[in-house]
């Protein structure tokens, strides 16, 4: 049995164990937009909440039944199929980041897909839960037949040898892990810039701040449009209620807050569907404006 067959059969076996990936689905014109689960993360609340005004934070957490001690956000990868291309946005955590994540191959299997069916992988950014799933158990690209694409500014940041020394001790492993995976696709990756149509009907939108080169993607098919957010709007609670608050999860908190303001204005004015990597119930839905800020409305709600 060759390595690919081994991995595929291993994934199928895991899928038979009763895993139930969270999946949301909608049409974008003639194309299908689906979210596939990579599991979830377990994070200390301080990772996000530490810079925030604690007294004002508590009522928001209480409203959503959350603790400031620990969070367990979903990880939702967007999958776009237009009949010609099968595009996966990010690749998840793989087996080396957290035991609660790294189940994207099982989720694809639930849809009748294998890694070989993915024609393109578009990266929003290179944090572990978005890029560490790039490699299989043999340190080769898991999505072997896919074209890999990343924003030029994001690639340059993680490729820079100075990043590991300037990103801070808490994120140094992020830089090492990203660089190791990027080295595998160095000779084949395609880089793009803000505003560029990277594939037919898919345009890059600069949403810097969470990382220096973070990209979102606007999908347009016919009269329908959707926005793949990555981590530009990273949660359904404080990011929506207080988008101007600095979040500890963002590498440049001030820039990330400006990005959120831009995105909320655009999403609500154009009534765009969104997919957020860490938003709940599959991560797909819309945004409503309220007297207190914004609220996430999951698909089907």
C-alpha atoms as a PDB file:
ATOM      1  CA  UNK A   1       0.000   0.000   0.000  1.00  0.00           C
ATOM      2  CA  UNK A   2       1.483   3.397  -0.968  1.00  0.00           C
ATOM      3  CA  UNK A   3       1.586   6.267   1.491  1.00  0.00           C
ATOM      4  CA  UNK A   4      -1.372   8.114   0.004  1.00  0.00           C
ATOM      5  CA  UNK A   5      -3.593   5.041   0.175  1.00  0.00           C
ATOM      6  CA  UNK A   6      -2.501   4.419   3.758  1.00  0.00           C
ATOM      7  CA  UNK A   7      -3.397   7.952   4.805  1.00  0.00           C
ATOM      8  CA  UNK A   8      -6.714   7.896   2.986  1.00  0.00           C
ATOM      9  CA  UNK A   9      -7.739   4.580   4.532  1.00  0.00           C
ATOM     10  CA  UNK A  10      -6.625   5.772   7.958  1.00  0.00           C
ATOM     11  CA  UNK A  11      -8.830   8.851   7.551  1.00  0.00           C
ATOM     12  CA  UNK A  12     -11.777   6.717   6.499  1.00  0.00           C
ATOM     13  CA  UNK A  13     -11.314   4.503   9.518  1.00  0.00           C
ATOM     14  CA  UNK A  14     -11.361   7.528  11.806  1.00  0.00           C
ATOM     15  CA  UNK A  15     -14.489   8.762  10.058  1.00  0.00           C
ATOM     16  CA  UNK A  16     -16.198   5.482  10.917  1.00  0.00           C
ATOM     17  CA  UNK A  17     -15.691   6.106  14.628  1.00  0.00           C
ATOM     18  CA  UNK A  18     -18.774   8.290  14.734  1.00  0.00           C
ATOM     19  CA  UNK A  19     -17.189  11.732  14.470  1.00  0.00           C
ATOM     20  CA  UNK A  20     -19.845  14.333  13.651  1.00  0.00           C
ATOM     21  CA  UNK A  21     -18.274  17.404  12.049  1.00  0.00           C
ATOM     22  CA  UNK A  22     -20.181  20.664  12.334  1.00  0.00           C
ATOM     23  CA  UNK A  23     -21.186  21.569   8.776  1.00  0.00           C
ATOM     24  CA  UNK A  24     -23.026  24.608   7.423  1.00  0.00           C
ATOM     25  CA  UNK A  25     -23.812  25.031   3.746  1.00  0.00           C
ATOM     26  CA  UNK A  26     -25.169  27.683   1.400  1.00  0.00           C
ATOM     27  CA  UNK A  27     -25.278  28.496  -2.293  1.00  0.00           C
ATOM     28  CA  UNK A  28     -23.245  31.336  -3.756  1.00  0.00           C
ATOM     29  CA  UNK A  29     -24.772  31.593  -7.199  1.00  0.00           C
ATOM     30  CA  UNK A  30     -24.178  28.217  -8.856  1.00  0.00           C
ATOM     31  CA  UNK A  31     -21.351  27.383  -6.447  1.00  0.00           C
ATOM     32  CA  UNK A  32     -21.599  25.650  -3.074  1.00  0.00           C
ATOM     33  CA  UNK A  33     -19.998  27.059   0.062  1.00  0.00           C
ATOM     34  CA  UNK A  34     -19.586  24.615   2.935  1.00  0.00           C
ATOM     35  CA  UNK A  35     -17.803  24.726   6.262  1.00  0.00           C
ATOM     36  CA  UNK A  36     -15.929  21.643   7.415  1.00  0.00           C
ATOM     37  CA  UNK A  37     -14.816  21.235  11.005  1.00  0.00           C
ATOM     38  CA  UNK A  38     -11.222  20.853  12.098  1.00  0.00           C
ATOM     39  CA  UNK A  39     -12.375  20.388  15.683  1.00  0.00           C
ATOM     40  CA  UNK A  40     -11.905  23.059  18.319  1.00  0.00           C
ATOM     41  CA  UNK A  41      -9.275  24.800  20.424  1.00  0.00           C
ATOM     42  CA  UNK A  42      -8.885  25.120  24.172  1.00  0.00           C
ATOM     43  CA  UNK A  43      -7.525  28.556  25.049  1.00  0.00           C
ATOM     44  CA  UNK A  44      -6.997  30.508  28.253  1.00  0.00           C
ATOM     45  CA  UNK A  45      -9.395  33.437  28.355  1.00  0.00           C
ATOM     46  CA  UNK A  46      -6.477  35.781  28.912  1.00  0.00           C
ATOM     47  CA  UNK A  47      -5.262  35.022  25.385  1.00  0.00           C
ATOM     48  CA  UNK A  48      -8.090  37.262  24.142  1.00  0.00           C
ATOM     49  CA  UNK A  49      -9.368  39.169  27.177  1.00  0.00           C
ATOM     50  CA  UNK A  50      -6.234  40.380  28.962  1.00  0.00           C
ATOM     51  CA  UNK A  51      -5.999  43.841  27.306  1.00  0.00           C
ATOM     52  CA  UNK A  52      -9.732  44.538  27.664  1.00  0.00           C
ATOM     53  CA  UNK A  53     -11.489  46.581  30.386  1.00  0.00           C
ATOM     54  CA  UNK A  54     -12.426  43.790  32.774  1.00  0.00           C
ATOM     55  CA  UNK A  55     -15.464  45.426  34.414  1.00  0.00           C
ATOM     56  CA  UNK A  56     -17.095  46.140  31.046  1.00  0.00           C
ATOM     57  CA  UNK A  57     -16.118  42.691  29.771  1.00  0.00           C
ATOM     58  CA  UNK A  58     -18.014  40.692  32.395  1.00  0.00           C
ATOM     59  CA  UNK A  59     -21.588  41.543  31.269  1.00  0.00           C
ATOM     60  CA  UNK A  60     -20.719  40.517  27.699  1.00  0.00           C
ATOM     61  CA  UNK A  61     -19.326  37.186  28.851  1.00  0.00           C
ATOM     62  CA  UNK A  62     -22.383  36.623  31.047  1.00  0.00           C
ATOM     63  CA  UNK A  63     -24.688  37.285  28.105  1.00  0.00           C
ATOM     64  CA  UNK A  64     -23.023  34.483  26.136  1.00  0.00           C
ATOM     65  CA  UNK A  65     -22.523  32.151  29.087  1.00  0.00           C
ATOM     66  CA  UNK A  66     -18.748  32.343  28.791  1.00  0.00           C
ATOM     67  CA  UNK A  67     -15.968  32.200  31.353  1.00  0.00           C
ATOM     68  CA  UNK A  68     -12.967  34.493  31.338  1.00  0.00           C
ATOM     69  CA  UNK A  69     -10.851  31.504  32.387  1.00  0.00           C
ATOM     70  CA  UNK A  70     -11.164  29.261  29.327  1.00  0.00           C
ATOM     71  CA  UNK A  71     -12.595  29.321  25.800  1.00  0.00           C
ATOM     72  CA  UNK A  72     -13.248  26.447  23.376  1.00  0.00           C
ATOM     73  CA  UNK A  73     -13.786  28.045  19.946  1.00  0.00           C
ATOM     74  CA  UNK A  74     -14.722  25.981  16.905  1.00  0.00           C
ATOM     75  CA  UNK A  75     -12.349  25.709  13.951  1.00  0.00           C
ATOM     76  CA  UNK A  76     -14.323  25.991  10.695  1.00  0.00           C
ATOM     77  CA  UNK A  77     -12.625  25.707   7.314  1.00  0.00           C
ATOM     78  CA  UNK A  78     -14.462  27.057   4.274  1.00  0.00           C
ATOM     79  CA  UNK A  79     -14.843  24.808   1.236  1.00  0.00           C
ATOM     80  CA  UNK A  80     -15.916  26.345  -2.099  1.00  0.00           C
ATOM     81  CA  UNK A  81     -16.993  24.184  -5.049  1.00  0.00           C
ATOM     82  CA  UNK A  82     -17.934  25.761  -8.363  1.00  0.00           C
ATOM     83  CA  UNK A  83     -18.059  22.627 -10.512  1.00  0.00           C
ATOM     84  CA  UNK A  84     -14.510  23.083 -11.764  1.00  0.00           C
ATOM     85  CA  UNK A  85     -12.527  23.843  -8.630  1.00  0.00           C
ATOM     86  CA  UNK A  86     -12.678  22.527  -5.073  1.00  0.00           C
ATOM     87  CA  UNK A  87     -11.090  25.249  -2.951  1.00  0.00           C
ATOM     88  CA  UNK A  88     -10.175  24.858   0.717  1.00  0.00           C
ATOM     89  CA  UNK A  89      -9.455  27.979   2.747  1.00  0.00           C
ATOM     90  CA  UNK A  90      -6.681  27.084   5.226  1.00  0.00           C
ATOM     91  CA  UNK A  91      -5.755  23.533   6.202  1.00  0.00           C
ATOM     92  CA  UNK A  92      -6.351  23.336   9.945  1.00  0.00           C
ATOM     93  CA  UNK A  93      -4.063  22.315  12.781  1.00  0.00           C
ATOM     94  CA  UNK A  94      -2.903  18.839  11.874  1.00  0.00           C
ATOM     95  CA  UNK A  95      -1.987  16.459  14.710  1.00  0.00           C
ATOM     96  CA  UNK A  96       0.730  18.562  16.375  1.00  0.00           C
ATOM     97  CA  UNK A  97      -1.068  21.617  17.788  1.00  0.00           C
ATOM     98  CA  UNK A  98      -3.932  20.526  20.063  1.00  0.00           C
ATOM     99  CA  UNK A  99      -5.571  17.149  20.646  1.00  0.00           C
ATOM    100  CA  UNK A 100      -9.019  18.695  20.139  1.00  0.00           C
ATOM    101  CA  UNK A 101      -8.197  19.852  16.594  1.00  0.00           C
ATOM    102  CA  UNK A 102      -6.829  18.355  13.388  1.00  0.00           C
ATOM    103  CA  UNK A 103      -9.915  16.484  12.120  1.00  0.00           C
ATOM    104  CA  UNK A 104     -10.308  18.107   8.696  1.00  0.00           C
ATOM    105  CA  UNK A 105      -9.651  14.865   6.774  1.00  0.00           C
ATOM    106  CA  UNK A 106     -12.471  13.172   8.704  1.00  0.00           C
ATOM    107  CA  UNK A 107     -14.783  16.088   7.968  1.00  0.00           C
ATOM    108  CA  UNK A 108     -13.946  15.944   4.275  1.00  0.00           C
ATOM    109  CA  UNK A 109     -14.566  12.210   4.329  1.00  0.00           C
ATOM    110  CA  UNK A 110     -18.052  12.892   5.713  1.00  0.00           C
ATOM    111  CA  UNK A 111     -18.654  14.889   2.525  1.00  0.00           C
ATOM    112  CA  UNK A 112     -17.295  12.097   0.334  1.00  0.00           C
ATOM    113  CA  UNK A 113     -14.060  13.961  -0.358  1.00  0.00           C
ATOM    114  CA  UNK A 114     -10.398  13.032   0.057  1.00  0.00           C
ATOM    115  CA  UNK A 115      -7.401  15.379   0.251  1.00  0.00           C
ATOM    116  CA  UNK A 116      -6.674  14.537  -3.383  1.00  0.00           C
ATOM    117  CA  UNK A 117      -9.981  16.154  -4.392  1.00  0.00           C
ATOM    118  CA  UNK A 118      -8.811  19.607  -3.249  1.00  0.00           C
ATOM    119  CA  UNK A 119      -7.640  21.603  -6.260  1.00  0.00           C
ATOM    120  CA  UNK A 120      -6.587  24.808  -4.458  1.00  0.00           C
ATOM    121  CA  UNK A 121      -5.656  25.806  -0.914  1.00  0.00           C
ATOM    122  CA  UNK A 122      -5.904  29.525  -0.093  1.00  0.00           C
ATOM    123  CA  UNK A 123      -4.355  30.653   3.183  1.00  0.00           C
ATOM    124  CA  UNK A 124      -5.789  33.496   5.231  1.00  0.00           C
ATOM    125  CA  UNK A 125      -2.682  33.498   7.435  1.00  0.00           C
ATOM    126  CA  UNK A 126      -0.046  31.228   8.919  1.00  0.00           C
ATOM    127  CA  UNK A 127      -1.001  30.719  12.563  1.00  0.00           C
ATOM    128  CA  UNK A 128      -0.813  27.058  13.701  1.00  0.00           C
ATOM    129  CA  UNK A 129      -4.536  26.277  13.494  1.00  0.00           C
ATOM    130  CA  UNK A 130      -4.550  27.486   9.885  1.00  0.00           C
ATOM    131  CA  UNK A 131      -1.335  26.050   8.410  1.00  0.00           C
ATOM    132  CA  UNK A 132       0.058  23.263  10.599  1.00  0.00           C
ATOM    133  CA  UNK A 133      -2.271  20.797   8.871  1.00  0.00           C
ATOM    134  CA  UNK A 134      -0.327  21.310   5.641  1.00  0.00           C
ATOM    135  CA  UNK A 135       1.844  18.210   6.078  1.00  0.00           C
ATOM    136  CA  UNK A 136       0.907  14.548   6.332  1.00  0.00           C
ATOM    137  CA  UNK A 137       2.537  11.987   8.632  1.00  0.00           C
ATOM    138  CA  UNK A 138       5.477  11.774   6.234  1.00  0.00           C
ATOM    139  CA  UNK A 139       6.097  15.546   6.172  1.00  0.00           C
ATOM    140  CA  UNK A 140       4.766  15.838   2.634  1.00  0.00           C
ATOM    141  CA  UNK A 141       1.894  18.104   1.554  1.00  0.00           C
ATOM    142  CA  UNK A 142      -1.358  16.439   2.635  1.00  0.00           C
ATOM    143  CA  UNK A 143      -3.300  18.020  -0.241  1.00  0.00           C
ATOM    144  CA  UNK A 144      -0.850  16.665  -2.775  1.00  0.00           C
ATOM    145  CA  UNK A 145      -2.662  17.735  -5.948  1.00  0.00           C
ATOM    146  CA  UNK A 146      -3.603  21.229  -4.778  1.00  0.00           C
ATOM    147  CA  UNK A 147      -2.210  24.581  -5.825  1.00  0.00           C
ATOM    148  CA  UNK A 148      -1.146  26.508  -2.705  1.00  0.00           C
ATOM    149  CA  UNK A 149      -1.720  30.273  -2.557  1.00  0.00           C
ATOM    150  CA  UNK A 150      -0.841  32.860   0.112  1.00  0.00           C
ATOM    151  CA  UNK A 151      -0.782  36.641   0.359  1.00  0.00           C
ATOM    152  CA  UNK A 152       2.656  38.056  -0.394  1.00  0.00           C
ATOM    153  CA  UNK A 153       2.872  40.141   2.781  1.00  0.00           C
ATOM    154  CA  UNK A 154       1.938  37.157   4.961  1.00  0.00           C
ATOM    155  CA  UNK A 155       4.471  34.900   3.246  1.00  0.00           C
ATOM    156  CA  UNK A 156       7.227  37.484   3.561  1.00  0.00           C
ATOM    157  CA  UNK A 157       6.537  37.998   7.267  1.00  0.00           C
ATOM    158  CA  UNK A 158       6.798  34.342   8.265  1.00  0.00           C
ATOM    159  CA  UNK A 159       9.646  33.691   5.824  1.00  0.00           C
ATOM    160  CA  UNK A 160      11.733  36.497   7.363  1.00  0.00           C
ATOM    161  CA  UNK A 161      14.408  34.915   9.640  1.00  0.00           C
ATOM    162  CA  UNK A 162      13.992  37.820  12.097  1.00  0.00           C
ATOM    163  CA  UNK A 163      10.342  36.982  12.815  1.00  0.00           C
ATOM    164  CA  UNK A 164      11.089  34.214  15.303  1.00  0.00           C
ATOM    165  CA  UNK A 165      13.124  36.665  17.398  1.00  0.00           C
ATOM    166  CA  UNK A 166      10.671  39.576  17.215  1.00  0.00           C
ATOM    167  CA  UNK A 167       7.266  37.897  17.474  1.00  0.00           C
ATOM    168  CA  UNK A 168       7.579  37.363  21.229  1.00  0.00           C
ATOM    169  CA  UNK A 169       8.354  34.305  23.309  1.00  0.00           C
ATOM    170  CA  UNK A 170       4.722  33.133  23.489  1.00  0.00           C
ATOM    171  CA  UNK A 171       4.459  32.958  19.691  1.00  0.00           C
ATOM    172  CA  UNK A 172       8.004  31.892  18.782  1.00  0.00           C
ATOM    173  CA  UNK A 173       6.843  28.318  18.168  1.00  0.00           C
ATOM    174  CA  UNK A 174       4.240  29.698  15.753  1.00  0.00           C
ATOM    175  CA  UNK A 175       7.028  31.174  13.629  1.00  0.00           C
ATOM    176  CA  UNK A 176       9.135  28.017  13.682  1.00  0.00           C
ATOM    177  CA  UNK A 177       6.165  25.832  12.770  1.00  0.00           C
ATOM    178  CA  UNK A 178       5.001  28.101   9.964  1.00  0.00           C
ATOM    179  CA  UNK A 179       8.460  28.337   8.403  1.00  0.00           C
ATOM    180  CA  UNK A 180       8.950  24.565   8.466  1.00  0.00           C
ATOM    181  CA  UNK A 181       5.733  24.000   6.559  1.00  0.00           C
ATOM    182  CA  UNK A 182       6.261  26.861   4.141  1.00  0.00           C
ATOM    183  CA  UNK A 183       9.656  25.455   3.204  1.00  0.00           C
ATOM    184  CA  UNK A 184       7.928  22.360   1.821  1.00  0.00           C
ATOM    185  CA  UNK A 185       5.868  24.399  -0.665  1.00  0.00           C
ATOM    186  CA  UNK A 186       8.443  27.158  -1.312  1.00  0.00           C
ATOM    187  CA  UNK A 187       9.025  26.202  -4.950  1.00  0.00           C
ATOM    188  CA  UNK A 188       5.359  25.825  -5.863  1.00  0.00           C
ATOM    189  CA  UNK A 189       3.380  28.374  -3.825  1.00  0.00           C
ATOM    190  CA  UNK A 190       1.657  31.204  -5.698  1.00  0.00           C
ATOM    191  CA  UNK A 191       1.686  34.616  -4.009  1.00  0.00           C
ATOM    192  CA  UNK A 192      -0.934  37.327  -4.461  1.00  0.00           C
ATOM    193  CA  UNK A 193      -1.684  40.889  -3.351  1.00  0.00           C
ATOM    194  CA  UNK A 194      -4.649  42.841  -2.015  1.00  0.00           C
ATOM    195  CA  UNK A 195      -7.491  43.241  -4.506  1.00  0.00           C
ATOM    196  CA  UNK A 196      -6.191  40.557  -6.828  1.00  0.00           C
ATOM    197  CA  UNK A 197      -8.603  38.019  -8.312  1.00  0.00           C
ATOM    198  CA  UNK A 198      -6.743  34.912  -7.201  1.00  0.00           C
ATOM    199  CA  UNK A 199      -9.194  32.513  -8.847  1.00  0.00           C
ATOM    200  CA  UNK A 200     -12.312  33.140 -10.948  1.00  0.00           C
ATOM    201  CA  UNK A 201     -14.853  34.730  -8.610  1.00  0.00           C
ATOM    202  CA  UNK A 202     -12.450  34.890  -5.646  1.00  0.00           C
ATOM    203  CA  UNK A 203     -10.736  38.183  -4.758  1.00  0.00           C
ATOM    204  CA  UNK A 204      -8.209  38.873  -1.992  1.00  0.00           C
ATOM    205  CA  UNK A 205      -9.137  41.475   0.646  1.00  0.00           C
ATOM    206  CA  UNK A 206      -6.369  42.790   2.911  1.00  0.00           C
ATOM    207  CA  UNK A 207      -7.479  42.411   6.540  1.00  0.00           C
ATOM    208  CA  UNK A 208      -4.196  42.954   8.337  1.00  0.00           C
ATOM    209  CA  UNK A 209      -3.785  43.112  12.103  1.00  0.00           C
ATOM    210  CA  UNK A 210      -4.434  39.624  13.408  1.00  0.00           C
ATOM    211  CA  UNK A 211      -1.207  38.889  11.564  1.00  0.00           C
ATOM    212  CA  UNK A 212       0.795  41.398   9.501  1.00  0.00           C
ATOM    213  CA  UNK A 213      -0.435  40.022   6.174  1.00  0.00           C
ATOM    214  CA  UNK A 214      -3.794  38.454   7.049  1.00  0.00           C
ATOM    215  CA  UNK A 215      -6.085  38.084   4.018  1.00  0.00           C
ATOM    216  CA  UNK A 216      -9.798  37.536   3.686  1.00  0.00           C
ATOM    217  CA  UNK A 217     -11.524  36.487   0.469  1.00  0.00           C
ATOM    218  CA  UNK A 218     -14.607  37.824  -1.297  1.00  0.00           C
ATOM    219  CA  UNK A 219     -16.564  35.242  -3.253  1.00  0.00           C
ATOM    220  CA  UNK A 220     -18.866  36.419  -6.035  1.00  0.00           C
ATOM    221  CA  UNK A 221     -20.969  34.153  -8.209  1.00  0.00           C
ATOM    222  CA  UNK A 222     -23.837  35.715 -10.104  1.00  0.00           C
ATOM    223  CA  UNK A 223     -25.574  38.203  -7.813  1.00  0.00           C
ATOM    224  CA  UNK A 224     -24.472  36.386  -4.641  1.00  0.00           C
ATOM    225  CA  UNK A 225     -21.456  37.272  -2.500  1.00  0.00           C
ATOM    226  CA  UNK A 226     -19.798  35.950   0.626  1.00  0.00           C
ATOM    227  CA  UNK A 227     -16.742  36.879   2.651  1.00  0.00           C
ATOM    228  CA  UNK A 228     -14.285  34.359   4.078  1.00  0.00           C
ATOM    229  CA  UNK A 229     -12.989  36.165   7.165  1.00  0.00           C
ATOM    230  CA  UNK A 230     -10.350  33.856   8.587  1.00  0.00           C
ATOM    231  CA  UNK A 231      -9.535  35.396  11.976  1.00  0.00           C
ATOM    232  CA  UNK A 232     -10.143  39.030  11.004  1.00  0.00           C
ATOM    233  CA  UNK A 233     -13.288  38.813  13.169  1.00  0.00           C
ATOM    234  CA  UNK A 234     -12.150  36.172  15.592  1.00  0.00           C
ATOM    235  CA  UNK A 235     -15.127  35.488  17.861  1.00  0.00           C
ATOM    236  CA  UNK A 236     -18.892  36.015  18.158  1.00  0.00           C
ATOM    237  CA  UNK A 237     -18.873  37.869  21.466  1.00  0.00           C
ATOM    238  CA  UNK A 238     -16.504  40.774  22.208  1.00  0.00           C
ATOM    239  CA  UNK A 239     -15.377  41.157  18.583  1.00  0.00           C
ATOM    240  CA  UNK A 240     -19.020  41.849  17.650  1.00  0.00           C
ATOM    241  CA  UNK A 241     -20.092  43.837  20.715  1.00  0.00           C
ATOM    242  CA  UNK A 242     -16.902  45.880  21.052  1.00  0.00           C
ATOM    243  CA  UNK A 243     -15.001  45.684  17.747  1.00  0.00           C
ATOM    244  CA  UNK A 244     -12.852  48.648  18.799  1.00  0.00           C
ATOM    245  CA  UNK A 245     -11.456  46.804  21.824  1.00  0.00           C
ATOM    246  CA  UNK A 246      -7.898  45.526  21.523  1.00  0.00           C
ATOM    247  CA  UNK A 247      -7.735  41.721  21.580  1.00  0.00           C
ATOM    248  CA  UNK A 248      -4.780  39.790  22.928  1.00  0.00           C
ATOM    249  CA  UNK A 249      -5.119  37.299  20.071  1.00  0.00           C
ATOM    250  CA  UNK A 250      -4.130  39.915  17.483  1.00  0.00           C
ATOM    251  CA  UNK A 251      -0.489  40.615  16.744  1.00  0.00           C
ATOM    252  CA  UNK A 252      -1.233  44.274  15.970  1.00  0.00           C
ATOM    253  CA  UNK A 253      -4.261  45.075  18.090  1.00  0.00           C
ATOM    254  CA  UNK A 254      -4.783  48.612  16.840  1.00  0.00           C
ATOM    255  CA  UNK A 255      -4.680  47.641  13.184  1.00  0.00           C
ATOM    256  CA  UNK A 256      -6.942  44.654  13.816  1.00  0.00           C
ATOM    257  CA  UNK A 257      -9.554  46.920  15.434  1.00  0.00           C
ATOM    258  CA  UNK A 258      -9.528  49.213  12.391  1.00  0.00           C
ATOM    259  CA  UNK A 259      -9.892  46.168  10.160  1.00  0.00           C
ATOM    260  CA  UNK A 260     -12.928  44.954  12.121  1.00  0.00           C
ATOM    261  CA  UNK A 261     -14.578  48.362  11.813  1.00  0.00           C
ATOM    262  CA  UNK A 262     -14.044  48.297   8.046  1.00  0.00           C
ATOM    263  CA  UNK A 263     -15.368  44.761   7.742  1.00  0.00           C
ATOM    264  CA  UNK A 264     -18.507  45.302   9.813  1.00  0.00           C
ATOM    265  CA  UNK A 265     -19.359  48.404   7.806  1.00  0.00           C
ATOM    266  CA  UNK A 266     -18.895  46.545   4.543  1.00  0.00           C
ATOM    267  CA  UNK A 267     -20.660  43.358   5.601  1.00  0.00           C
ATOM    268  CA  UNK A 268     -23.740  45.125   6.947  1.00  0.00           C
ATOM    269  CA  UNK A 269     -24.035  47.665   4.145  1.00  0.00           C
ATOM    270  CA  UNK A 270     -23.750  44.965   1.464  1.00  0.00           C
ATOM    271  CA  UNK A 271     -25.649  42.309   3.470  1.00  0.00           C
ATOM    272  CA  UNK A 272     -22.889  39.822   2.789  1.00  0.00           C
ATOM    273  CA  UNK A 273     -22.826  36.273   4.019  1.00  0.00           C
ATOM    274  CA  UNK A 274     -19.748  35.492   6.102  1.00  0.00           C
ATOM    275  CA  UNK A 275     -17.640  32.544   7.197  1.00  0.00           C
ATOM    276  CA  UNK A 276     -15.527  33.053  10.302  1.00  0.00           C
ATOM    277  CA  UNK A 277     -12.969  30.437  11.260  1.00  0.00           C
ATOM    278  CA  UNK A 278     -13.819  30.589  14.979  1.00  0.00           C
ATOM    279  CA  UNK A 279     -17.486  31.603  14.809  1.00  0.00           C
ATOM    280  CA  UNK A 280     -20.009  29.123  16.275  1.00  0.00           C
ATOM    281  CA  UNK A 281     -22.455  26.654  14.703  1.00  0.00           C
ATOM    282  CA  UNK A 282     -20.271  26.014  11.692  1.00  0.00           C
ATOM    283  CA  UNK A 283     -19.042  29.585  11.375  1.00  0.00           C
ATOM    284  CA  UNK A 284     -21.383  30.606   8.545  1.00  0.00           C
ATOM    285  CA  UNK A 285     -24.054  33.278   8.790  1.00  0.00           C
ATOM    286  CA  UNK A 286     -24.736  36.982   8.586  1.00  0.00           C
ATOM    287  CA  UNK A 287     -24.221  40.093  10.715  1.00  0.00           C
ATOM    288  CA  UNK A 288     -26.975  42.280  12.172  1.00  0.00           C
ATOM    289  CA  UNK A 289     -26.371  45.733  13.581  1.00  0.00           C
ATOM    290  CA  UNK A 290     -27.730  46.380  17.084  1.00  0.00           C
ATOM    291  CA  UNK A 291     -27.840  49.299  19.488  1.00  0.00           C
ATOM    292  CA  UNK A 292     -24.866  47.731  21.290  1.00  0.00           C
ATOM    293  CA  UNK A 293     -22.744  46.902  18.259  1.00  0.00           C
ATOM    294  CA  UNK A 294     -23.251  43.825  16.103  1.00  0.00           C
ATOM    295  CA  UNK A 295     -24.512  40.278  16.485  1.00  0.00           C
ATOM    296  CA  UNK A 296     -23.672  37.091  14.599  1.00  0.00           C
ATOM    297  CA  UNK A 297     -26.672  35.237  13.173  1.00  0.00           C
ATOM    298  CA  UNK A 298     -25.719  31.663  12.196  1.00  0.00           C
ATOM    299  CA  UNK A 299     -26.858  30.183   8.891  1.00  0.00           C
ATOM    300  CA  UNK A 300     -30.413  28.898   9.201  1.00  0.00           C
ATOM    301  CA  UNK A 301     -31.206  30.856  12.356  1.00  0.00           C
END
